Amino acid sequence: QLNCPSCRAQHTATAATQFPISYGMEAFIRKLKGMEVVPVKTVPTKP
């Protein structure tokens, strides 16, 4: 049994792999990382 740490809802499970991966969250994190590494350009330059 798994009690959700946030809402305490009970879910039947024996391993984390039974729950789907949050691909949307992973895509969001990749987007955040991409925004952090993009340099600020002071003058127009060619890509």
All heavy atoms as atom14 arrays in JSON, in Angstrom:
{
  "sequence": "QLNCPSCRAQHTATAATQFPISYGMEAFIRKLKGMEVVPVKTVPTKP",
  "atom14_mask": [
    [1, 1, 1, 1, 1, 1, 1, 1, 1, 0, 0, 0, 0, 0],
    [1, 1, 1, 1, 1, 1, 1, 1, 0, 0, 0, 0, 0, 0],
    [1, 1, 1, 1, 1, 1, 1, 1, 0, 0, 0, 0, 0, 0],
    [1, 1, 1, 1, 1, 1, 0, 0, 0, 0, 0, 0, 0, 0],
    [1, 1, 1, 1, 1, 1, 1, 0, 0, 0, 0, 0, 0, 0],
    [1, 1, 1, 1, 1, 1, 0, 0, 0, 0, 0, 0, 0, 0],
    [1, 1, 1, 1, 1, 1, 0, 0, 0, 0, 0, 0, 0, 0],
    [1, 1, 1, 1, 1, 1, 1, 1, 1, 1, 1, 0, 0, 0],
    [1, 1, 1, 1, 1, 0, 0, 0, 0, 0, 0, 0, 0, 0],
    [1, 1, 1, 1, 1, 1, 1, 1, 1, 0, 0, 0, 0, 0],
    [1, 1, 1, 1, 1, 1, 1, 1, 1, 1, 0, 0, 0, 0],
    [1, 1, 1, 1, 1, 1, 1, 0, 0, 0, 0, 0, 0, 0],
    [1, 1, 1, 1, 1, 0, 0, 0, 0, 0, 0, 0, 0, 0],
    [1, 1, 1, 1, 1, 1, 1, 0, 0, 0, 0, 0, 0, 0],
    [1, 1, 1, 1, 1, 0, 0, 0, 0, 0, 0, 0, 0, 0],
    [1, 1, 1, 1, 1, 0, 0, 0, 0, 0, 0, 0, 0, 0],
    [1, 1, 1, 1, 1, 1, 1, 0, 0, 0, 0, 0, 0, 0],
    [1, 1, 1, 1, 1, 1, 1, 1, 1, 0, 0, 0, 0, 0],
    [1, 1, 1, 1, 1, 1, 1, 1, 1, 1, 1, 0, 0, 0],
    [1, 1, 1, 1, 1, 1, 1, 0, 0, 0, 0, 0, 0, 0],
    [1, 1, 1, 1, 1, 1, 1, 1, 0, 0, 0, 0, 0, 0],
    [1, 1, 1, 1, 1, 1, 0, 0, 0, 0, 0, 0, 0, 0],
    [1, 1, 1, 1, 1, 1, 1, 1, 1, 1, 1, 1, 0, 0],
    [1, 1, 1, 1, 0, 0, 0, 0, 0, 0, 0, 0, 0, 0],
    [1, 1, 1, 1, 1, 1, 1, 1, 0, 0, 0, 0, 0, 0],
    [1, 1, 1, 1, 1, 1, 1, 1, 1, 0, 0, 0, 0, 0],
    [1, 1, 1, 1, 1, 0, 0, 0, 0, 0, 0, 0, 0, 0],
    [1, 1, 1, 1, 1, 1, 1, 1, 1, 1, 1, 0, 0, 0],
    [1, 1, 1, 1, 1, 1, 1, 1, 0, 0, 0, 0, 0, 0],
    [1, 1, 1, 1, 1, 1, 1, 1, 1, 1, 1, 0, 0, 0],
    [1, 1, 1, 1, 1, 1, 1, 1, 1, 0, 0, 0, 0, 0],
    [1, 1, 1, 1, 1, 1, 1, 1, 0, 0, 0, 0, 0, 0],
    [1, 1, 1, 1, 1, 1, 1, 1, 1, 0, 0, 0, 0, 0],
    [1, 1, 1, 1, 0, 0, 0, 0, 0, 0, 0, 0, 0, 0],
    [1, 1, 1, 1, 1, 1, 1, 1, 0, 0, 0, 0, 0, 0],
    [1, 1, 1, 1, 1, 1, 1, 1, 1, 0, 0, 0, 0, 0],
    [1, 1, 1, 1, 1, 1, 1, 0, 0, 0, 0, 0, 0, 0],
    [1, 1, 1, 1, 1, 1, 1, 0, 0, 0, 0, 0, 0, 0],
    [1, 1, 1, 1, 1, 1, 1, 0, 0, 0, 0, 0, 0, 0],
    [1, 1, 1, 1, 1, 1, 1, 0, 0, 0, 0, 0, 0, 0],
    [1, 1, 1, 1, 1, 1, 1, 1, 1, 0, 0, 0, 0, 0],
    [1, 1, 1, 1, 1, 1, 1, 0, 0, 0, 0, 0, 0, 0],
    [1, 1, 1, 1, 1, 1, 1, 0, 0, 0, 0, 0, 0, 0],
    [1, 1, 1, 1, 1, 1, 1, 0, 0, 0, 0, 0, 0, 0],
    [1, 1, 1, 1, 1, 1, 1, 0, 0, 0, 0, 0, 0, 0],
    [1, 1, 1, 1, 1, 1, 1, 1, 1, 0, 0, 0, 0, 0],
    [1, 1, 1, 1, 1, 1, 1, 0, 0, 0, 0, 0, 0, 0]
  ],
  "atom14_positions": [
    [[0.84, -1.2, 0.0], [0.0, 0.0, 0.0], [0.88, 1.25, 0.0], [1.96, 1.26, 0.6], [-0.92, 0.03, 1.23], [-2.01, -1.03, 1.21], [-3.06, -0.74, 0.16], [-3.35, 0.41, -0.14], [-3.65, -1.79, -0.41], [0.0, 0.0, 0.0], [0.0, 0.0, 0.0], [0.0, 0.0, 0.0], [0.0, 0.0, 0.0], [0.0, 0.0, 0.0]],
    [[0.41, 2.29, -0.67], [1.09, 3.58, -0.7], [0.12, 4.67, -0.31], [-0.94, 4.8, -0.91], [1.65, 3.86, -2.1], [2.15, 5.29, -2.35], [3.37, 5.58, -1.48], [2.47, 5.51, -3.81], [0.0, 0.0, 0.0], [0.0, 0.0, 0.0], [0.0, 0.0, 0.0], [0.0, 0.0, 0.0], [0.0, 0.0, 0.0], [0.0, 0.0, 0.0]],
    [[0.46, 5.41, 0.74], [-0.33, 6.58, 1.13], [0.32, 7.81, 0.53], [1.5, 8.1, 0.77], [-0.37, 6.72, 2.66], [-1.19, 5.62, 3.31], [-2.1, 5.08, 2.7], [-0.87, 5.28, 4.55], [0.0, 0.0, 0.0], [0.0, 0.0, 0.0], [0.0, 0.0, 0.0], [0.0, 0.0, 0.0], [0.0, 0.0, 0.0], [0.0, 0.0, 0.0]],
    [[-0.44, 8.54, -0.3], [0.11, 9.74, -0.96], [0.6, 10.72, 0.1], [-0.15, 11.09, 1.02], [-0.96, 10.39, -1.83], [-0.41, 11.96, -2.55], [0.0, 0.0, 0.0], [0.0, 0.0, 0.0], [0.0, 0.0, 0.0], [0.0, 0.0, 0.0], [0.0, 0.0, 0.0], [0.0, 0.0, 0.0], [0.0, 0.0, 0.0], [0.0, 0.0, 0.0]],
    [[1.87, 11.16, 0.03], [2.41, 12.11, 1.02], [1.67, 13.44, 1.04], [1.74, 14.16, 2.02], [3.86, 12.29, 0.57], [4.19, 11.05, -0.19], [2.91, 10.69, -0.9], [0.0, 0.0, 0.0], [0.0, 0.0, 0.0], [0.0, 0.0, 0.0], [0.0, 0.0, 0.0], [0.0, 0.0, 0.0], [0.0, 0.0, 0.0], [0.0, 0.0, 0.0]],
    [[0.95, 13.78, -0.05], [0.27, 15.07, -0.11], [-1.17, 14.99, 0.39], [-1.57, 15.76, 1.26], [0.28, 15.6, -1.55], [1.58, 15.96, -1.94], [0.0, 0.0, 0.0], [0.0, 0.0, 0.0], [0.0, 0.0, 0.0], [0.0, 0.0, 0.0], [0.0, 0.0, 0.0], [0.0, 0.0, 0.0], [0.0, 0.0, 0.0], [0.0, 0.0, 0.0]],
    [[-1.96, 14.05, -0.19], [-3.39, 14.0, 0.16], [-3.77, 12.76, 0.96], [-4.92, 12.59, 1.31], [-4.23, 14.07, -1.12], [-4.04, 12.61, -2.19], [0.0, 0.0, 0.0], [0.0, 0.0, 0.0], [0.0, 0.0, 0.0], [0.0, 0.0, 0.0], [0.0, 0.0, 0.0], [0.0, 0.0, 0.0], [0.0, 0.0, 0.0], [0.0, 0.0, 0.0]],
    [[-2.81, 11.86, 1.2], [-3.01, 10.63, 2.0], [-3.92, 9.62, 1.3], [-4.39, 8.67, 1.93], [-3.57, 10.93, 3.39], [-2.85, 12.02, 4.15], [-1.35, 11.77, 4.22], [-1.05, 10.54, 4.95], [0.18, 10.0, 5.04], [1.19, 10.57, 4.38], [0.37, 8.9, 5.72], [0.0, 0.0, 0.0], [0.0, 0.0, 0.0], [0.0, 0.0, 0.0]],
    [[-4.2, 9.81, 0.01], [-5.0, 8.82, -0.71], [-4.23, 7.51, -0.77], [-3.01, 7.48, -0.89], [-5.29, 9.32, -2.14], [0.0, 0.0, 0.0], [0.0, 0.0, 0.0], [0.0, 0.0, 0.0], [0.0, 0.0, 0.0], [0.0, 0.0, 0.0], [0.0, 0.0, 0.0], [0.0, 0.0, 0.0], [0.0, 0.0, 0.0], [0.0, 0.0, 0.0]],
    [[-4.96, 6.39, -0.66], [-4.33, 5.08, -0.65], [-4.31, 4.47, -2.05], [-5.29, 4.52, -2.77], [-5.06, 4.14, 0.3], [-4.9, 4.52, 1.78], [-5.49, 3.47, 2.7], [-6.25, 2.62, 2.27], [-5.13, 3.53, 3.97], [0.0, 0.0, 0.0], [0.0, 0.0, 0.0], [0.0, 0.0, 0.0], [0.0, 0.0, 0.0], [0.0, 0.0, 0.0]],
    [[-3.17, 3.91, -2.41], [-3.0, 3.27, -3.72], [-2.34, 1.9, -3.5], [-1.41, 1.78, -2.7], [-2.14, 4.11, -4.66], [-2.58, 5.53, -4.77], [-3.75, 5.9, -5.39], [-2.01, 6.68, -4.31], [-3.87, 7.21, -5.33], [-2.84, 7.71, -4.67], [0.0, 0.0, 0.0], [0.0, 0.0, 0.0], [0.0, 0.0, 0.0], [0.0, 0.0, 0.0]],
    [[-2.83, 0.91, -4.23], [-2.23, -0.42, -4.15], [-1.01, -0.49, -5.06], [-1.09, -0.2, -6.25], [-3.25, -1.49, -4.59], [-4.39, -1.41, -3.72], [-2.63, -2.89, -4.5], [0.0, 0.0, 0.0], [0.0, 0.0, 0.0], [0.0, 0.0, 0.0], [0.0, 0.0, 0.0], [0.0, 0.0, 0.0], [0.0, 0.0, 0.0], [0.0, 0.0, 0.0]],
    [[0.13, -0.83, -4.5], [1.37, -0.89, -5.29], [2.44, -1.64, -4.53], [2.43, -1.7, -3.3], [1.85, 0.51, -5.62], [0.0, 0.0, 0.0], [0.0, 0.0, 0.0], [0.0, 0.0, 0.0], [0.0, 0.0, 0.0], [0.0, 0.0, 0.0], [0.0, 0.0, 0.0], [0.0, 0.0, 0.0], [0.0, 0.0, 0.0], [0.0, 0.0, 0.0]],
    [[3.36, -2.25, -5.28], [4.52, -2.93, -4.69], [5.82, -2.28, -5.1], [6.86, -2.58, -4.53], [4.54, -4.41, -5.09], [4.55, -4.5, -6.53], [3.31, -5.14, -4.55], [0.0, 0.0, 0.0], [0.0, 0.0, 0.0], [0.0, 0.0, 0.0], [0.0, 0.0, 0.0], [0.0, 0.0, 0.0], [0.0, 0.0, 0.0], [0.0, 0.0, 0.0]],
    [[5.79, -1.42, -6.1], [7.0, -0.75, -6.57], [6.63, 0.52, -7.31], [5.52, 0.64, -7.86], [7.82, -1.67, -7.49], [0.0, 0.0, 0.0], [0.0, 0.0, 0.0], [0.0, 0.0, 0.0], [0.0, 0.0, 0.0], [0.0, 0.0, 0.0], [0.0, 0.0, 0.0], [0.0, 0.0, 0.0], [0.0, 0.0, 0.0], [0.0, 0.0, 0.0]],
    [[7.55, 1.48, -7.32], [7.31, 2.76, -8.0], [7.09, 2.59, -9.49], [6.4, 3.39, -10.12], [8.47, 3.72, -7.75], [0.0, 0.0, 0.0], [0.0, 0.0, 0.0], [0.0, 0.0, 0.0], [0.0, 0.0, 0.0], [0.0, 0.0, 0.0], [0.0, 0.0, 0.0], [0.0, 0.0, 0.0], [0.0, 0.0, 0.0], [0.0, 0.0, 0.0]],
    [[7.67, 1.53, -10.05], [7.55, 1.32, -11.51], [6.11, 1.04, -11.95], [5.84, 1.04, -13.15], [8.45, 0.15, -11.95], [8.15, -1.01, -11.15], [9.92, 0.52, -11.76], [0.0, 0.0, 0.0], [0.0, 0.0, 0.0], [0.0, 0.0, 0.0], [0.0, 0.0, 0.0], [0.0, 0.0, 0.0], [0.0, 0.0, 0.0], [0.0, 0.0, 0.0]],
    [[5.2, 0.78, -11.01], [3.8, 0.56, -11.37], [3.09, 1.87, -11.71], [2.0, 1.85, -12.28], [3.06, -0.14, -10.23], [3.54, -1.57, -9.98], [2.79, -2.22, -8.83], [3.4, -2.67, -7.87], [1.49, -2.27, -8.91], [0.0, 0.0, 0.0], [0.0, 0.0, 0.0], [0.0, 0.0, 0.0], [0.0, 0.0, 0.0], [0.0, 0.0, 0.0]],
    [[3.71, 3.0, -11.36], [3.1, 4.29, -11.65], [3.76, 4.91, -12.88], [4.97, 4.79, -13.07], [3.24, 5.24, -10.45], [2.59, 4.71, -9.2], [3.34, 4.22, -8.15], [1.2, 4.68, -9.09], [2.74, 3.73, -7.0], [0.59, 4.2, -7.94], [1.36, 3.71, -6.91], [0.0, 0.0, 0.0], [0.0, 0.0, 0.0], [0.0, 0.0, 0.0]],
    [[3.0, 5.59, -13.75], [3.54, 6.12, -15.01], [4.53, 7.25, -14.78], [4.37, 8.06, -13.87], [2.29, 6.6, -15.76], [1.32, 6.92, -14.67], [1.55, 5.88, -13.6], [0.0, 0.0, 0.0], [0.0, 0.0, 0.0], [0.0, 0.0, 0.0], [0.0, 0.0, 0.0], [0.0, 0.0, 0.0], [0.0, 0.0, 0.0], [0.0, 0.0, 0.0]],
    [[5.55, 7.31, -15.64], [6.52, 8.39, -15.6], [5.84, 9.69, -16.05], [5.04, 9.69, -16.99], [7.71, 8.08, -16.52], [8.47, 6.84, -16.0], [8.66, 9.27, -16.62], [9.51, 6.33, -16.96], [0.0, 0.0, 0.0], [0.0, 0.0, 0.0], [0.0, 0.0, 0.0], [0.0, 0.0, 0.0], [0.0, 0.0, 0.0], [0.0, 0.0, 0.0]],
    [[6.14, 10.79, -15.38], [5.57, 12.09, -15.76], [6.43, 12.69, -16.86], [7.34, 13.48, -16.63], [5.53, 13.03, -14.54], [5.0, 14.28, -14.93], [0.0, 0.0, 0.0], [0.0, 0.0, 0.0], [0.0, 0.0, 0.0], [0.0, 0.0, 0.0], [0.0, 0.0, 0.0], [0.0, 0.0, 0.0], [0.0, 0.0, 0.0], [0.0, 0.0, 0.0]],
    [[6.1, 12.3, -18.11], [6.88, 12.83, -19.23], [6.68, 14.34, -19.37], [7.6, 15.05, -19.8], [6.47, 12.12, -20.52], [6.85, 10.66, -20.55], [5.89, 9.66, -20.33], [8.16, 10.27, -20.77], [6.24, 8.32, -20.34], [8.51, 8.92, -20.79], [7.55, 7.95, -20.58], [7.9, 6.64, -20.59], [0.0, 0.0, 0.0], [0.0, 0.0, 0.0]],
    [[5.51, 14.82, -19.02], [5.28, 16.25, -19.09], [6.2, 17.01, -18.14], [6.75, 18.06, -18.5], [0.0, 0.0, 0.0], [0.0, 0.0, 0.0], [0.0, 0.0, 0.0], [0.0, 0.0, 0.0], [0.0, 0.0, 0.0], [0.0, 0.0, 0.0], [0.0, 0.0, 0.0], [0.0, 0.0, 0.0], [0.0, 0.0, 0.0], [0.0, 0.0, 0.0]],
    [[6.38, 16.5, -16.91], [7.28, 17.12, -15.95], [8.72, 17.09, -16.45], [9.46, 18.07, -16.35], [7.18, 16.41, -14.59], [8.15, 16.93, -13.55], [7.84, 18.65, -13.11], [6.34, 18.48, -12.14], [0.0, 0.0, 0.0], [0.0, 0.0, 0.0], [0.0, 0.0, 0.0], [0.0, 0.0, 0.0], [0.0, 0.0, 0.0], [0.0, 0.0, 0.0]],
    [[9.13, 15.95, -17.04], [10.49, 15.85, -17.55], [10.72, 16.86, -18.68], [11.79, 17.47, -18.77], [10.77, 14.43, -18.03], [10.85, 13.42, -16.9], [11.31, 12.06, -17.35], [11.18, 11.74, -18.54], [11.82, 11.31, -16.5], [0.0, 0.0, 0.0], [0.0, 0.0, 0.0], [0.0, 0.0, 0.0], [0.0, 0.0, 0.0], [0.0, 0.0, 0.0]],
    [[9.73, 17.01, -19.55], [9.86, 17.99, -20.63], [9.94, 19.41, -20.07], [10.72, 20.24, -20.57], [8.68, 17.87, -21.59], [0.0, 0.0, 0.0], [0.0, 0.0, 0.0], [0.0, 0.0, 0.0], [0.0, 0.0, 0.0], [0.0, 0.0, 0.0], [0.0, 0.0, 0.0], [0.0, 0.0, 0.0], [0.0, 0.0, 0.0], [0.0, 0.0, 0.0]],
    [[9.16, 19.67, -19.02], [9.19, 20.99, -18.39], [10.56, 21.27, -17.78], [11.1, 22.37, -17.9], [8.09, 21.06, -17.31], [8.13, 22.32, -16.48], [7.76, 23.55, -17.02], [8.56, 22.28, -15.16], [7.79, 24.7, -16.26], [8.6, 23.44, -14.4], [8.22, 24.65, -14.95], [0.0, 0.0, 0.0], [0.0, 0.0, 0.0], [0.0, 0.0, 0.0]],
    [[11.15, 20.27, -17.11], [12.48, 20.43, -16.5], [13.53, 20.68, -17.57], [14.42, 21.52, -17.42], [12.82, 19.19, -15.67], [11.88, 19.1, -14.45], [14.27, 19.24, -15.18], [12.03, 17.83, -13.66], [0.0, 0.0, 0.0], [0.0, 0.0, 0.0], [0.0, 0.0, 0.0], [0.0, 0.0, 0.0], [0.0, 0.0, 0.0], [0.0, 0.0, 0.0]],
    [[13.43, 19.92, -18.69], [14.39, 20.14, -19.77], [14.28, 21.56, -20.32], [15.27, 22.2, -20.66], [14.16, 19.12, -20.89], [14.67, 17.73, -20.55], [14.76, 16.87, -21.81], [13.46, 16.64, -22.4], [12.65, 15.65, -22.05], [13.03, 14.79, -21.11], [11.49, 15.49, -22.64], [0.0, 0.0, 0.0], [0.0, 0.0, 0.0], [0.0, 0.0, 0.0]],
    [[13.04, 22.06, -20.4], [12.84, 23.41, -20.88], [13.44, 24.43, -19.92], [14.07, 25.41, -20.34], [11.34, 23.67, -21.05], [11.02, 25.05, -21.64], [9.53, 25.2, -21.88], [9.21, 26.57, -22.49], [7.75, 26.75, -22.72], [0.0, 0.0, 0.0], [0.0, 0.0, 0.0], [0.0, 0.0, 0.0], [0.0, 0.0, 0.0], [0.0, 0.0, 0.0]],
    [[13.29, 24.2, -18.61], [13.87, 25.08, -17.61], [15.39, 25.11, -17.74], [16.03, 26.16, -17.7], [13.48, 24.64, -16.2], [12.05, 24.97, -15.73], [11.85, 24.45, -14.32], [11.8, 26.46, -15.79], [0.0, 0.0, 0.0], [0.0, 0.0, 0.0], [0.0, 0.0, 0.0], [0.0, 0.0, 0.0], [0.0, 0.0, 0.0], [0.0, 0.0, 0.0]],
    [[15.98, 23.93, -17.89], [17.44, 23.85, -18.02], [17.9, 24.57, -19.28], [18.94, 25.23, -19.28], [17.88, 22.39, -18.05], [17.7, 21.68, -16.72], [18.19, 20.25, -16.81], [18.04, 19.54, -15.46], [18.48, 18.14, -15.53], [0.0, 0.0, 0.0], [0.0, 0.0, 0.0], [0.0, 0.0, 0.0], [0.0, 0.0, 0.0], [0.0, 0.0, 0.0]],
    [[17.12, 24.44, -20.36], [17.48, 25.12, -21.6], [17.45, 26.63, -21.43], [18.3, 27.35, -21.97], [0.0, 0.0, 0.0], [0.0, 0.0, 0.0], [0.0, 0.0, 0.0], [0.0, 0.0, 0.0], [0.0, 0.0, 0.0], [0.0, 0.0, 0.0], [0.0, 0.0, 0.0], [0.0, 0.0, 0.0], [0.0, 0.0, 0.0], [0.0, 0.0, 0.0]],
    [[16.47, 27.13, -20.67], [16.37, 28.57, -20.45], [17.54, 29.08, -19.61], [18.0, 30.2, -19.79], [15.05, 28.9, -19.74], [13.81, 28.63, -20.59], [12.28, 28.84, -19.66], [12.38, 30.57, -19.26], [0.0, 0.0, 0.0], [0.0, 0.0, 0.0], [0.0, 0.0, 0.0], [0.0, 0.0, 0.0], [0.0, 0.0, 0.0], [0.0, 0.0, 0.0]],
    [[18.07, 28.25, -18.7], [19.16, 28.67, -17.84], [20.48, 28.81, -18.59], [21.32, 29.61, -18.24], [19.32, 27.68, -16.68], [18.12, 27.7, -15.73], [18.23, 26.59, -14.7], [19.19, 25.8, -14.81], [17.37, 26.53, -13.81], [0.0, 0.0, 0.0], [0.0, 0.0, 0.0], [0.0, 0.0, 0.0], [0.0, 0.0, 0.0], [0.0, 0.0, 0.0]],
    [[20.68, 28.0, -19.61], [21.97, 28.0, -20.28], [21.99, 28.89, -21.52], [23.03, 29.07, -22.13], [22.35, 26.57, -20.7], [22.42, 25.67, -19.5], [21.35, 26.01, -21.71], [0.0, 0.0, 0.0], [0.0, 0.0, 0.0], [0.0, 0.0, 0.0], [0.0, 0.0, 0.0], [0.0, 0.0, 0.0], [0.0, 0.0, 0.0], [0.0, 0.0, 0.0]],
    [[20.86, 29.49, -21.91], [20.85, 30.36, -23.09], [21.54, 31.68, -22.75], [21.13, 32.39, -21.82], [19.4, 30.64, -23.56], [19.4, 31.68, -24.67], [18.77, 29.35, -24.03], [0.0, 0.0, 0.0], [0.0, 0.0, 0.0], [0.0, 0.0, 0.0], [0.0, 0.0, 0.0], [0.0, 0.0, 0.0], [0.0, 0.0, 0.0], [0.0, 0.0, 0.0]],
    [[22.62, 32.06, -23.42], [23.33, 33.31, -23.1], [22.53, 34.53, -23.54], [21.76, 34.49, -24.49], [24.64, 33.19, -23.91], [24.26, 32.31, -25.06], [23.25, 31.33, -24.51], [0.0, 0.0, 0.0], [0.0, 0.0, 0.0], [0.0, 0.0, 0.0], [0.0, 0.0, 0.0], [0.0, 0.0, 0.0], [0.0, 0.0, 0.0], [0.0, 0.0, 0.0]],
    [[22.73, 35.64, -22.81], [22.05, 36.89, -23.15], [22.89, 37.61, -24.19], [24.06, 37.91, -23.96], [21.88, 37.77, -21.9], [21.22, 39.09, -22.28], [21.05, 37.03, -20.86], [0.0, 0.0, 0.0], [0.0, 0.0, 0.0], [0.0, 0.0, 0.0], [0.0, 0.0, 0.0], [0.0, 0.0, 0.0], [0.0, 0.0, 0.0], [0.0, 0.0, 0.0]],
    [[22.28, 37.91, -25.33], [23.01, 38.57, -26.41], [22.79, 40.08, -26.31], [21.67, 40.56, -26.23], [22.51, 38.05, -27.76], [22.78, 36.57, -27.96], [22.29, 36.12, -29.32], [22.55, 34.64, -29.51], [22.07, 34.16, -30.83], [0.0, 0.0, 0.0], [0.0, 0.0, 0.0], [0.0, 0.0, 0.0], [0.0, 0.0, 0.0], [0.0, 0.0, 0.0]],
    [[23.9, 40.82, -26.32], [23.81, 42.27, -26.23], [23.72, 42.93, -27.6], [23.21, 44.03, -27.72], [25.03, 42.81, -25.48], [26.23, 42.39, -26.15], [25.05, 42.27, -24.06], [0.0, 0.0, 0.0], [0.0, 0.0, 0.0], [0.0, 0.0, 0.0], [0.0, 0.0, 0.0], [0.0, 0.0, 0.0], [0.0, 0.0, 0.0], [0.0, 0.0, 0.0]],
    [[24.24, 42.25, -28.61], [24.17, 42.8, -29.96], [23.7, 41.7, -30.9], [23.94, 40.52, -30.65], [25.56, 43.32, -30.42], [25.98, 44.5, -29.57], [26.6, 42.21, -30.35], [0.0, 0.0, 0.0], [0.0, 0.0, 0.0], [0.0, 0.0, 0.0], [0.0, 0.0, 0.0], [0.0, 0.0, 0.0], [0.0, 0.0, 0.0], [0.0, 0.0, 0.0]],
    [[22.99, 42.06, -31.95], [22.54, 41.04, -32.91], [23.72, 40.32, -33.52], [24.68, 40.93, -33.98], [21.78, 41.86, -33.95], [21.42, 43.13, -33.26], [22.53, 43.41, -32.31], [0.0, 0.0, 0.0], [0.0, 0.0, 0.0], [0.0, 0.0, 0.0], [0.0, 0.0, 0.0], [0.0, 0.0, 0.0], [0.0, 0.0, 0.0], [0.0, 0.0, 0.0]],
    [[23.67, 39.03, -33.46], [24.72, 38.2, -34.05], [24.08, 37.08, -34.84], [22.93, 36.73, -34.61], [25.65, 37.59, -32.98], [24.85, 36.79, -32.11], [26.35, 38.68, -32.19], [0.0, 0.0, 0.0], [0.0, 0.0, 0.0], [0.0, 0.0, 0.0], [0.0, 0.0, 0.0], [0.0, 0.0, 0.0], [0.0, 0.0, 0.0], [0.0, 0.0, 0.0]],
    [[24.82, 36.52, -35.72], [24.33, 35.4, -36.49], [24.27, 34.16, -35.61], [25.12, 33.98, -34.74], [25.24, 35.13, -37.68], [25.24, 36.25, -38.71], [26.12, 35.89, -39.9], [26.07, 37.01, -40.94], [26.91, 36.66, -42.12], [0.0, 0.0, 0.0], [0.0, 0.0, 0.0], [0.0, 0.0, 0.0], [0.0, 0.0, 0.0], [0.0, 0.0, 0.0]],
    [[23.25, 33.32, -35.76], [23.14, 32.11, -34.94], [24.37, 31.24, -35.09], [24.94, 31.11, -36.17], [21.89, 31.42, -35.51], [21.14, 32.5, -36.2], [22.16, 33.46, -36.72], [0.0, 0.0, 0.0], [0.0, 0.0, 0.0], [0.0, 0.0, 0.0], [0.0, 0.0, 0.0], [0.0, 0.0, 0.0], [0.0, 0.0, 0.0], [0.0, 0.0, 0.0]]
  ]
}
